[in-house]
Amino acid sequence: MSGTLEGRVVAVAGAGGPAGRAAVRRLAAAGAVVAAADASQDRLDESVAGAGADRVVEGRVVDLLDAAATRAWIDDVVARHGRLDGVVHLVGGWRGGKGLSAEALEHWAVLEPLLVRTLQHTSLAAQEALTATGGRFVVVSASGAGKPTAGNAAYAAAKAAAEAWTLALAHAFGRSGGDAAATILVVKALLDDTMRAARPDAAFDGFTHVDDLALTIAGLWDRPSAELNGERLWLTPQP
């Protein structure tokens, strides 16, 4: 990657989680103006502070389950900066069980809003602005979406739905004739330093460190849209 995103404006949804904090740091270090959103003020403050005082990171508490609030956030970013070059969707969540049972419906009730509806609201709010700039939309999925088990049925189904929506956005970008791209990054699971410190002897085989994920995200602007739009990029060995 070229190492610079000077002049780019990138929105990060779910900026307060481990992956979100890593993405905010990397994007800001590369020179982007980062519009960071999270549901928690405390997590958001930590993310903004972690980027460094000399970086341009704007934090805003946004309920991404509220379509109007999500659009107001994106519209405000575009109005103040005149453009939007990227949206990174890192709103996460996980639920699992021992088998396929009624419990899976309870898991679905939690995961569908987090993993699917926030993605829908964010992509719809940003689609026009990203089309105008030839921007990037990226979501993180899981290898388990393509190989669900009885225990992770709700999680896999939600990830698969998020992938389908992202591919539909990619189709819309393709029909626009521009250079915008919607991309799915596939991981087995994500790893951060807190997890590693808690289990120093664990191998974490196939896991993707959040710093490596962030590096991949920042590099998307260096790649042509033909390599990215509607593509699944595997950051773990593909089964």
Protein backbone atom coordinates (compact mmCIF):
# COMPACT_ATOMS: atom_id res chain seq x y z
CA MET A 1 0.00 0.00 0.00
CA SER A 2 1.08 3.55 -0.61
CA GLY A 3 0.72 4.43 3.06
CA THR A 4 -1.26 7.60 2.51
CA LEU A 5 -4.95 8.39 2.58
CA GLU A 6 -4.45 12.15 2.58
CA GLY A 7 -7.59 13.92 1.44
CA ARG A 8 -9.82 10.90 2.07
CA VAL A 9 -12.76 10.94 4.45
CA VAL A 10 -13.62 7.54 5.93
CA ALA A 11 -16.46 6.65 8.27
CA VAL A 12 -15.98 3.77 10.73
CA ALA A 13 -19.12 2.21 12.17
CA GLY A 14 -18.49 0.27 15.36
CA ALA A 15 -15.36 2.30 16.07
CA GLY A 16 -15.27 1.46 19.78
CA GLY A 17 -14.59 -2.26 19.52
CA PRO A 18 -11.12 -3.82 19.18
CA ALA A 19 -11.34 -3.99 15.38
CA GLY A 20 -12.82 -0.50 15.22
CA ARG A 21 -10.06 1.00 17.35
CA ALA A 22 -7.41 -0.65 15.19
CA ALA A 23 -9.05 0.60 11.99
CA VAL A 24 -9.38 4.14 13.33
CA ARG A 25 -5.69 4.17 14.31
CA ARG A 26 -4.50 2.84 10.96
CA LEU A 27 -6.73 5.04 8.80
CA ALA A 28 -5.85 8.15 10.77
CA ALA A 29 -2.13 7.33 10.69
CA ALA A 30 -2.41 7.06 6.90
CA GLY A 31 -3.76 10.61 6.79
CA ALA A 32 -7.49 10.08 6.45
CA VAL A 33 -10.08 12.19 8.20
CA VAL A 34 -11.89 9.53 10.22
CA ALA A 35 -15.53 9.90 11.25
CA ALA A 36 -15.87 7.37 14.06
CA ALA A 37 -19.26 6.19 15.33
CA ASP A 38 -20.18 3.89 18.18
CA ALA A 39 -23.13 3.31 20.49
CA SER A 40 -20.96 3.86 23.59
CA GLN A 41 -19.45 7.21 24.49
CA ASP A 42 -16.77 5.58 26.66
CA ARG A 43 -15.64 3.19 23.93
CA LEU A 44 -15.73 6.00 21.39
CA ASP A 45 -13.61 8.29 23.56
CA GLU A 46 -11.03 5.52 23.94
CA SER A 47 -10.94 4.98 20.19
CA VAL A 48 -10.52 8.66 19.38
CA ALA A 49 -7.80 9.12 22.01
CA GLY A 50 -5.96 6.05 20.77
CA ALA A 51 -5.52 7.57 17.31
CA GLY A 52 -3.25 10.30 18.70
CA ALA A 53 -3.71 14.00 19.25
CA ASP A 54 -2.18 14.92 15.89
CA ARG A 55 -4.74 12.88 13.92
CA VAL A 56 -8.10 14.04 12.62
CA VAL A 57 -10.67 11.73 14.20
CA GLU A 58 -14.21 12.89 14.87
CA GLY A 59 -16.21 10.81 17.32
CA ARG A 60 -19.99 10.70 17.40
CA VAL A 61 -22.37 8.49 19.34
CA VAL A 62 -24.83 7.07 16.80
CA ASP A 63 -27.55 4.48 17.16
CA LEU A 64 -27.00 2.62 13.91
CA LEU A 65 -30.22 0.70 14.52
CA ASP A 66 -31.98 4.00 13.83
CA ALA A 67 -32.03 4.58 10.07
CA ALA A 68 -32.69 8.31 10.41
CA ALA A 69 -29.90 8.78 12.93
CA THR A 70 -27.49 6.85 10.72
CA ARG A 71 -28.36 8.96 7.68
CA ALA A 72 -28.03 12.15 9.73
CA TRP A 73 -24.52 11.08 10.75
CA ILE A 74 -23.41 10.32 7.19
CA ASP A 75 -25.08 13.44 5.77
CA ASP A 76 -23.33 15.57 8.38
CA VAL A 77 -19.93 14.09 7.49
CA VAL A 78 -20.51 14.81 3.79
CA ALA A 79 -21.84 18.31 4.47
CA ARG A 80 -18.83 19.29 6.58
CA HIS A 81 -16.11 17.68 4.45
CA GLY A 82 -17.68 17.77 1.01
CA ARG A 83 -17.09 14.06 0.36
CA LEU A 84 -17.11 10.54 1.71
CA ASP A 85 -14.48 8.10 0.47
CA GLY A 86 -15.18 5.08 2.56
CA VAL A 87 -17.34 3.29 5.09
CA VAL A 88 -15.91 0.53 7.25
CA HIS A 89 -18.61 -1.53 8.96
CA LEU A 90 -17.22 -3.16 12.11
CA VAL A 91 -20.34 -3.59 14.20
CA GLY A 92 -19.95 -7.06 15.66
CA GLY A 93 -21.52 -9.59 17.96
CA TRP A 94 -21.60 -13.33 18.55
CA ARG A 95 -23.94 -15.88 20.03
CA GLY A 96 -23.64 -19.65 19.90
CA GLY A 97 -24.97 -22.80 21.50
CA LYS A 98 -24.64 -26.56 21.55
CA GLY A 99 -27.23 -27.33 18.92
CA LEU A 100 -30.07 -26.14 16.75
CA SER A 101 -32.91 -25.33 19.13
CA ALA A 102 -35.30 -22.57 20.08
CA GLU A 103 -32.32 -20.83 21.66
CA ALA A 104 -31.10 -20.07 18.13
CA LEU A 105 -34.12 -17.82 17.64
CA GLU A 106 -33.11 -15.83 20.71
CA HIS A 107 -29.61 -15.52 19.28
CA TRP A 108 -31.04 -14.39 15.94
CA ALA A 109 -33.09 -11.70 17.67
CA VAL A 110 -29.84 -10.26 19.05
CA LEU A 111 -27.57 -10.77 16.04
CA GLU A 112 -29.81 -9.76 13.15
CA PRO A 113 -30.09 -6.12 14.27
CA LEU A 114 -26.37 -5.85 15.08
CA LEU A 115 -24.92 -7.58 12.05
CA VAL A 116 -27.53 -6.97 9.36
CA ARG A 117 -29.70 -3.97 10.12
CA THR A 118 -26.82 -1.67 11.05
CA LEU A 119 -25.16 -2.68 7.78
CA GLN A 120 -28.32 -1.92 5.82
CA HIS A 121 -28.77 1.48 7.41
CA THR A 122 -25.12 2.43 6.94
CA SER A 123 -24.90 1.32 3.32
CA LEU A 124 -28.14 3.01 2.31
CA ALA A 125 -27.08 6.25 3.94
CA ALA A 126 -23.65 6.22 2.27
CA GLN A 127 -24.36 4.71 -1.15
CA GLU A 128 -24.82 7.97 -3.07
CA ALA A 129 -21.80 9.68 -1.53
CA LEU A 130 -19.54 6.66 -2.13
CA THR A 131 -20.71 6.39 -5.73
CA ALA A 132 -19.77 10.03 -6.27
CA THR A 133 -16.19 9.57 -5.01
CA GLY A 134 -15.48 6.04 -6.20
CA GLY A 135 -15.26 5.10 -2.55
CA ARG A 136 -14.95 1.85 -0.65
CA PHE A 137 -17.48 0.02 1.51
CA VAL A 138 -16.11 -2.86 3.54
CA VAL A 139 -17.65 -5.35 5.92
CA VAL A 140 -16.02 -8.18 7.86
CA SER A 141 -17.60 -11.62 7.58
CA ALA A 142 -16.73 -15.03 8.96
CA SER A 143 -15.72 -18.25 7.26
CA GLY A 144 -18.50 -19.93 9.21
CA ALA A 145 -21.09 -18.06 7.14
CA GLY A 146 -20.49 -20.51 4.32
CA LYS A 147 -20.34 -23.60 6.53
CA PRO A 148 -22.87 -23.19 9.33
CA THR A 149 -23.12 -25.63 12.19
CA ALA A 150 -26.07 -26.40 14.40
CA GLY A 151 -24.55 -24.43 17.23
CA ASN A 152 -23.79 -21.27 15.28
CA ALA A 153 -26.89 -21.21 13.05
CA ALA A 154 -28.00 -17.70 14.01
CA TYR A 155 -24.52 -16.20 13.72
CA ALA A 156 -23.83 -17.86 10.37
CA ALA A 157 -27.22 -16.84 9.03
CA ALA A 158 -26.71 -13.23 10.07
CA LYS A 159 -23.25 -13.11 8.50
CA ALA A 160 -24.58 -14.69 5.32
CA ALA A 161 -27.35 -12.10 5.17
CA ALA A 162 -24.81 -9.31 5.66
CA GLU A 163 -22.74 -10.74 2.82
CA ALA A 164 -25.77 -10.92 0.52
CA TRP A 165 -26.64 -7.29 1.23
CA THR A 166 -23.05 -6.21 0.58
CA LEU A 167 -23.02 -8.08 -2.72
CA ALA A 168 -26.23 -6.31 -3.69
CA LEU A 169 -24.53 -3.00 -2.91
CA ALA A 170 -21.63 -4.11 -5.11
CA HIS A 171 -24.10 -4.76 -7.92
CA ALA A 172 -25.52 -1.26 -7.49
CA PHE A 173 -22.01 0.21 -7.60
CA GLY A 174 -21.25 -1.78 -10.74
CA ARG A 175 -24.39 -0.50 -12.46
CA SER A 176 -23.39 3.07 -11.66
CA GLY A 177 -20.40 2.80 -13.99
CA GLY A 178 -18.07 4.41 -11.45
CA ASP A 179 -15.20 3.15 -9.34
CA ALA A 180 -16.96 2.54 -6.02
CA ALA A 181 -16.48 -0.93 -4.54
CA ALA A 182 -18.17 -3.00 -1.85
CA THR A 183 -15.91 -5.69 -0.42
CA ILE A 184 -16.24 -8.52 2.09
CA LEU A 185 -13.22 -9.42 4.22
CA VAL A 186 -13.49 -12.99 5.48
CA VAL A 187 -11.87 -14.10 8.73
CA LYS A 188 -12.10 -17.18 10.89
CA ALA A 189 -12.13 -14.99 13.99
CA LEU A 190 -10.47 -11.80 15.15
CA LEU A 191 -7.67 -11.56 17.70
CA ASP A 192 -6.50 -8.60 19.76
CA ASP A 193 -3.77 -8.08 22.34
CA THR A 194 -6.17 -8.45 25.27
CA MET A 195 -7.20 -11.89 24.08
CA ARG A 196 -3.60 -12.90 23.56
CA ALA A 197 -2.57 -11.66 27.03
CA ALA A 198 -5.43 -13.58 28.62
CA ARG A 199 -4.41 -16.82 26.89
CA PRO A 200 -0.65 -16.56 26.21
CA ASP A 201 -0.30 -20.25 25.41
CA ALA A 202 -3.16 -20.41 22.91
CA ALA A 203 -2.26 -20.86 19.24
CA PHE A 204 -5.22 -18.93 17.81
CA ASP A 205 -4.75 -20.83 14.55
CA GLY A 206 -6.28 -19.05 11.60
CA PHE A 207 -7.25 -15.98 13.61
CA THR A 208 -6.65 -12.52 12.14
CA HIS A 209 -5.16 -9.88 14.40
CA VAL A 210 -7.13 -6.65 14.36
CA ASP A 211 -3.99 -4.71 13.38
CA ASP A 212 -3.59 -6.91 10.29
CA LEU A 213 -7.26 -6.42 9.47
CA ALA A 214 -6.81 -2.66 9.75
CA LEU A 215 -3.78 -2.77 7.47
CA THR A 216 -5.81 -4.62 4.84
CA ILE A 217 -8.64 -2.12 5.14
CA ALA A 218 -6.34 0.86 4.69
CA GLY A 219 -4.85 -0.77 1.59
CA LEU A 220 -8.18 -1.03 -0.23
CA TRP A 221 -7.85 2.48 -1.63
CA ASP A 222 -4.63 1.44 -3.40
CA ARG A 223 -6.37 -1.31 -5.33
CA PRO A 224 -8.61 -0.91 -8.40
CA SER A 225 -12.31 -1.41 -7.89
CA ALA A 226 -12.30 -4.29 -10.37
CA GLU A 227 -10.30 -6.31 -7.82
CA LEU A 228 -12.61 -5.42 -4.97
CA ASN A 229 -16.21 -4.85 -6.00
CA GLY A 230 -18.35 -7.83 -5.08
CA GLU A 231 -15.33 -9.82 -3.94
CA ARG A 232 -14.66 -11.87 -0.84
CA LEU A 233 -11.08 -11.36 0.27
CA TRP A 234 -9.93 -14.15 2.55
CA LEU A 235 -7.67 -13.21 5.46
CA THR A 236 -7.65 -16.79 6.73
CA PRO A 237 -6.99 -20.00 4.76
CA GLN A 238 -9.95 -20.68 2.51
CA PRO A 239 -11.56 -24.07 3.17
